[in-house]
């Protein structure tokens, strides 16, 4: 064949050489592409492992701290609710206010101590804090209801006192009128 057509043979050899170069080039491209693909797959899986670890840590943390956080939020809400005690105290008359002020302030201070204790207590001690919270809920509710009852009693006493004052004024006015009429008759 070489002797028959050297030009044709050179063309064939050049084509084969080109094909070999292209094949090697494609092989190199595929190798680089495979390495990049593998690198991306490794990075993706690393990110997924990190995400999974993060989710697991978050879940475990939520499991561990959800009760203390819940108790803390409830205690803060109860402390905020206990401010109603001061509002009701301001509407009471002075004798009732003097009677209830010390117990109301001690309850509020105890609640503030409970909130501070929950902040610094460990997760193991949260059972005590929950029991204390339940105790203070009952205490605050009973105190608010007692104060409202006292407020109604004070209002009733005030109305009764005003009614008696009005009756006394009317009686004095009637006596004065009678006195004036007696003076006229004389």
Foldseek 3Di string as FASTA:
>chain_A
DCVPDVVVVVVVVVVVVVVVVVVVVVVVVVVVVVVVVVVVVVVVVVVVVVVVVVVVVVVVVCVQCVLLVVLLVLLVVVLVVLVVLVVLLVLADDVVNVVCVVVSVVLSVVSVVLNVCSVPDHSVCVVVSVVVSVVSVVVSVVSVVVSVVNSVVRVVVVVVVVVVVVVVVVVVVVVVVVVVVVVVVD
